[in-house]
């Protein structure tokens, strides 16, 4: 099982980072390494990972900043690995979305057990699927199917769609969508959000796409609709 699982290690101590990477590879994990916050941010946008091991004190963006950025964008368990052991630091990381917190120094065996436990919990969680009209969205697998055919959505298109789906029936502003769904460094103007909505409506089709409603003066709202009868299509 573990040979197909990818772990991102974000650690600026070169010697420690190499030891963690080697330990994970010896346990048959596929490992990527970043030594600074900016690099980690870019790597998360470019790749797909099953779990992240994150130091807090990093050059560039700190671990706390990365946790804050990643919390609503990626459904990935993050284990904080740090020399900071104060209760306030632990609580802050959990508030920002970390699933575990391991202080340094640590045993590699304990880290591996914590990783396996978190990945097992992820696997046992029921798949989150949302169905409406002729579309099925799996929020965990990040897949969208229309009439059983998989649609190709960009990362930001899927983020925008999932943000709306998880707030079914609620009107959300363009700025809320931009702040929570668009990637770091991407333009976040109202027109950018409007462009994503237009492309989503086109890809989802007239019926399913029409369930993404425009709320004038505010933004958008997802209201699920039924699949049309065959006699009407």
Protein backbone atom coordinates (compact mmCIF):
# COMPACT_ATOMS: atom_id res chain seq x y z
CA UNK A 1 0.00 0.00 0.00
CA UNK A 2 2.65 2.52 1.08
CA UNK A 3 4.65 2.36 -2.16
CA UNK A 4 1.96 4.44 -3.87
CA UNK A 5 1.64 7.02 -1.08
CA UNK A 6 3.35 10.38 -1.51
CA UNK A 7 4.65 12.41 1.42
CA UNK A 8 5.88 16.01 1.25
CA UNK A 9 8.55 16.84 3.86
CA UNK A 10 9.04 20.55 4.60
CA UNK A 11 12.13 20.96 6.79
CA UNK A 12 14.98 23.50 6.59
CA UNK A 13 17.50 21.53 8.70
CA UNK A 14 19.31 19.74 5.87
CA UNK A 15 20.71 16.90 7.97
CA UNK A 16 17.41 16.22 9.72
CA UNK A 17 15.49 16.49 6.46
CA UNK A 18 17.74 13.89 4.82
CA UNK A 19 17.24 11.54 7.77
CA UNK A 20 13.45 11.89 7.57
CA UNK A 21 13.43 11.37 3.81
CA UNK A 22 15.64 8.29 4.07
CA UNK A 23 13.51 6.84 6.86
CA UNK A 24 10.34 7.33 4.84
CA UNK A 25 11.88 5.86 1.70
CA UNK A 26 13.11 2.87 3.68
CA UNK A 27 9.45 2.41 4.69
CA UNK A 28 8.50 2.46 0.96
CA UNK A 29 6.93 5.93 0.84
CA UNK A 30 7.36 8.18 -2.20
CA UNK A 31 8.92 11.35 -0.75
CA UNK A 32 9.43 14.92 -1.93
CA UNK A 33 11.47 17.46 0.05
CA UNK A 34 11.33 21.25 0.37
CA UNK A 35 13.67 23.29 2.57
CA UNK A 36 11.75 26.59 2.61
CA UNK A 37 8.19 27.87 2.78
CA UNK A 38 8.00 29.42 -0.67
CA UNK A 39 9.23 26.23 -2.32
CA UNK A 40 6.72 24.17 -0.34
CA UNK A 41 3.88 26.44 -1.42
CA UNK A 42 4.83 26.00 -5.09
CA UNK A 43 5.27 22.24 -4.70
CA UNK A 44 1.80 21.84 -3.23
CA UNK A 45 0.31 23.64 -6.21
CA UNK A 46 2.21 21.43 -8.66
CA UNK A 47 1.82 17.96 -7.13
CA UNK A 48 -0.59 15.64 -5.35
CA UNK A 49 0.38 14.37 -1.91
CA UNK A 50 -1.24 12.04 0.61
CA UNK A 51 0.35 13.64 3.69
CA UNK A 52 2.62 16.54 4.67
CA UNK A 53 5.28 16.69 7.40
CA UNK A 54 5.76 20.37 8.22
CA UNK A 55 8.31 22.27 10.30
CA UNK A 56 7.14 25.60 11.73
CA UNK A 57 10.34 27.66 11.64
CA UNK A 58 11.12 27.95 7.94
CA UNK A 59 12.87 30.57 5.79
CA UNK A 60 10.42 32.54 3.68
CA UNK A 61 6.90 31.54 4.64
CA UNK A 62 6.59 30.04 8.10
CA UNK A 63 4.88 26.74 8.78
CA UNK A 64 1.95 28.57 10.38
CA UNK A 65 1.45 30.66 7.23
CA UNK A 66 1.49 27.49 5.11
CA UNK A 67 -1.04 25.81 7.41
CA UNK A 68 -3.30 28.83 7.08
CA UNK A 69 -2.98 28.81 3.28
CA UNK A 70 -3.51 25.07 2.89
CA UNK A 71 -6.32 24.57 5.41
CA UNK A 72 -9.25 25.08 3.02
CA UNK A 73 -7.49 24.27 -0.24
CA UNK A 74 -6.20 20.74 0.18
CA UNK A 75 -7.79 17.76 1.85
CA UNK A 76 -4.43 16.44 3.08
CA UNK A 77 -3.42 15.49 6.65
CA UNK A 78 -0.56 17.67 7.93
CA UNK A 79 1.72 16.56 10.77
CA UNK A 80 3.66 19.39 12.40
CA UNK A 81 7.22 18.45 13.37
CA UNK A 82 8.89 21.21 15.36
CA UNK A 83 11.14 22.20 18.26
CA UNK A 84 8.42 24.56 19.53
CA UNK A 85 6.68 22.73 22.36
CA UNK A 86 4.57 25.37 24.11
CA UNK A 87 0.87 24.56 24.50
CA UNK A 88 -0.07 27.78 22.68
CA UNK A 89 1.96 26.65 19.64
CA UNK A 90 0.23 23.25 19.63
CA UNK A 91 -3.25 24.72 19.94
CA UNK A 92 -2.55 27.29 17.23
CA UNK A 93 -1.46 24.56 14.79
CA UNK A 94 -4.52 22.45 15.50
CA UNK A 95 -6.72 25.52 14.98
CA UNK A 96 -5.04 26.05 11.61
CA UNK A 97 -5.79 22.48 10.49
CA UNK A 98 -2.89 20.27 11.60
CA UNK A 99 -3.94 16.69 12.41
CA UNK A 100 -0.95 15.87 14.62
CA UNK A 101 1.96 17.58 16.39
CA UNK A 102 5.28 15.85 17.13
CA UNK A 103 7.98 17.78 19.05
CA UNK A 104 11.69 17.47 18.28
CA UNK A 105 13.74 15.46 19.08
CA UNK A 106 11.70 12.44 18.06
CA UNK A 107 12.04 8.77 17.16
CA UNK A 108 11.63 7.88 13.48
CA UNK A 109 9.61 4.83 14.52
CA UNK A 110 7.08 7.07 16.26
CA UNK A 111 6.80 9.37 13.25
CA UNK A 112 6.13 6.38 10.99
CA UNK A 113 3.39 5.10 13.30
CA UNK A 114 1.76 8.52 13.38
CA UNK A 115 1.90 8.75 9.57
CA UNK A 116 0.40 5.31 9.09
CA UNK A 117 -2.33 6.05 11.62
CA UNK A 118 -3.30 9.30 9.92
CA UNK A 119 -3.31 7.73 6.46
CA UNK A 120 -5.44 4.86 7.71
CA UNK A 121 -7.93 7.32 9.18
CA UNK A 122 -8.06 9.10 5.81
CA UNK A 123 -8.70 5.82 3.99
CA UNK A 124 -11.48 4.83 6.39
CA UNK A 125 -13.34 8.12 6.02
CA UNK A 126 -16.36 7.70 3.75
CA UNK A 127 -16.00 9.26 0.35
CA UNK A 128 -17.68 12.65 0.06
CA UNK A 129 -19.78 12.65 -3.09
CA UNK A 130 -22.26 15.27 -4.21
CA UNK A 131 -24.73 14.39 -6.96
CA UNK A 132 -27.11 16.62 -8.84
CA UNK A 133 -28.61 16.64 -12.32
CA UNK A 134 -26.27 14.44 -14.41
CA UNK A 135 -23.09 15.30 -12.44
CA UNK A 136 -21.25 13.48 -9.64
CA UNK A 137 -18.44 15.25 -7.76
CA UNK A 138 -16.11 13.36 -5.41
CA UNK A 139 -14.62 16.01 -3.15
CA UNK A 140 -11.91 13.73 -1.75
CA UNK A 141 -10.76 12.23 -5.05
CA UNK A 142 -11.23 15.64 -6.74
CA UNK A 143 -13.09 14.11 -9.68
CA UNK A 144 -16.11 15.36 -11.62
CA UNK A 145 -18.22 13.09 -13.82
CA UNK A 146 -21.04 14.04 -16.14
CA UNK A 147 -23.09 11.17 -17.55
CA UNK A 148 -20.23 8.89 -16.37
CA UNK A 149 -17.65 10.81 -18.42
CA UNK A 150 -14.91 12.46 -16.38
CA UNK A 151 -14.60 16.21 -16.86
CA UNK A 152 -11.18 17.86 -16.88
CA UNK A 153 -11.11 20.75 -14.42
CA UNK A 154 -8.10 22.81 -13.46
CA UNK A 155 -7.09 22.94 -9.79
CA UNK A 156 -8.67 26.38 -9.34
CA UNK A 157 -11.84 25.41 -11.21
CA UNK A 158 -12.30 22.43 -8.89
CA UNK A 159 -11.53 24.57 -5.83
CA UNK A 160 -14.18 27.09 -6.83
CA UNK A 161 -16.72 24.35 -7.52
CA UNK A 162 -16.08 22.50 -4.25
CA UNK A 163 -16.26 25.77 -2.29
CA UNK A 164 -19.75 26.38 -3.67
CA UNK A 165 -20.90 22.76 -3.24
CA UNK A 166 -19.86 22.66 0.42
CA UNK A 167 -21.96 25.79 1.03
CA UNK A 168 -25.10 24.51 -0.68
CA UNK A 169 -27.91 27.03 -0.61
CA UNK A 170 -25.73 29.84 0.76
CA UNK A 171 -24.91 33.00 -1.18
CA UNK A 172 -21.15 33.66 -1.15
CA UNK A 173 -19.35 36.74 -2.40
CA UNK A 174 -16.73 36.83 -5.11
CA UNK A 175 -14.13 37.91 -2.55
CA UNK A 176 -14.95 34.91 -0.32
CA UNK A 177 -14.50 32.57 -3.29
CA UNK A 178 -11.24 34.23 -4.31
CA UNK A 179 -9.73 34.22 -0.83
CA UNK A 180 -10.63 30.59 -0.08
CA UNK A 181 -10.47 28.81 -3.44
CA UNK A 182 -7.88 30.45 -5.67
CA UNK A 183 -4.20 29.54 -5.49
CA UNK A 184 -1.47 31.75 -4.05
CA UNK A 185 -0.20 34.32 -6.53
CA UNK A 186 -3.24 34.04 -8.78
CA UNK A 187 -5.26 37.11 -9.72
CA UNK A 188 -8.17 37.44 -7.29
CA UNK A 189 -10.38 40.08 -8.87
CA UNK A 190 -14.17 39.69 -9.23
CA UNK A 191 -13.65 39.25 -12.98
CA UNK A 192 -11.31 36.31 -12.33
CA UNK A 193 -13.99 34.59 -10.25
CA UNK A 194 -16.63 35.37 -12.90
CA UNK A 195 -14.38 33.73 -15.49
CA UNK A 196 -14.10 30.53 -13.45
CA UNK A 197 -17.86 30.41 -12.92
CA UNK A 198 -18.48 30.85 -16.65
CA UNK A 199 -16.09 27.99 -17.51
CA UNK A 200 -17.63 25.74 -14.86
CA UNK A 201 -21.13 26.35 -16.18
CA UNK A 202 -19.97 25.47 -19.68
CA UNK A 203 -18.21 22.27 -18.61
CA UNK A 204 -21.06 21.12 -16.36
CA UNK A 205 -23.66 21.67 -19.06
CA UNK A 206 -26.85 23.69 -19.23
CA UNK A 207 -28.78 21.86 -16.49
CA UNK A 208 -26.07 21.14 -13.91
CA UNK A 209 -24.22 24.38 -14.65
CA UNK A 210 -27.44 26.32 -14.25
CA UNK A 211 -27.53 25.24 -10.60
CA UNK A 212 -24.69 27.69 -9.97
CA UNK A 213 -26.87 30.75 -9.62
CA UNK A 214 -25.87 34.39 -9.79
CA UNK A 215 -26.92 36.36 -6.71
CA UNK A 216 -26.98 39.93 -7.92
CA UNK A 217 -25.03 42.37 -5.77
CA UNK A 218 -23.42 39.52 -3.79
CA UNK A 219 -21.88 36.70 -5.82
CA UNK A 220 -23.00 33.11 -6.41
CA UNK A 221 -24.97 30.26 -4.85
CA UNK A 222 -25.17 26.54 -5.57
CA UNK A 223 -28.72 25.16 -5.50
CA UNK A 224 -28.90 21.49 -6.58
CA UNK A 225 -31.45 20.55 -9.20
CA UNK A 226 -32.89 17.24 -10.35
CA UNK A 227 -31.77 15.34 -13.41
CA UNK A 228 -34.11 16.14 -16.33
CA UNK A 229 -36.40 13.42 -17.66
CA UNK A 230 -35.12 11.67 -20.76
CA UNK A 231 -38.27 12.78 -22.59
CA UNK A 232 -37.32 16.40 -21.98
CA UNK A 233 -33.77 16.13 -23.38
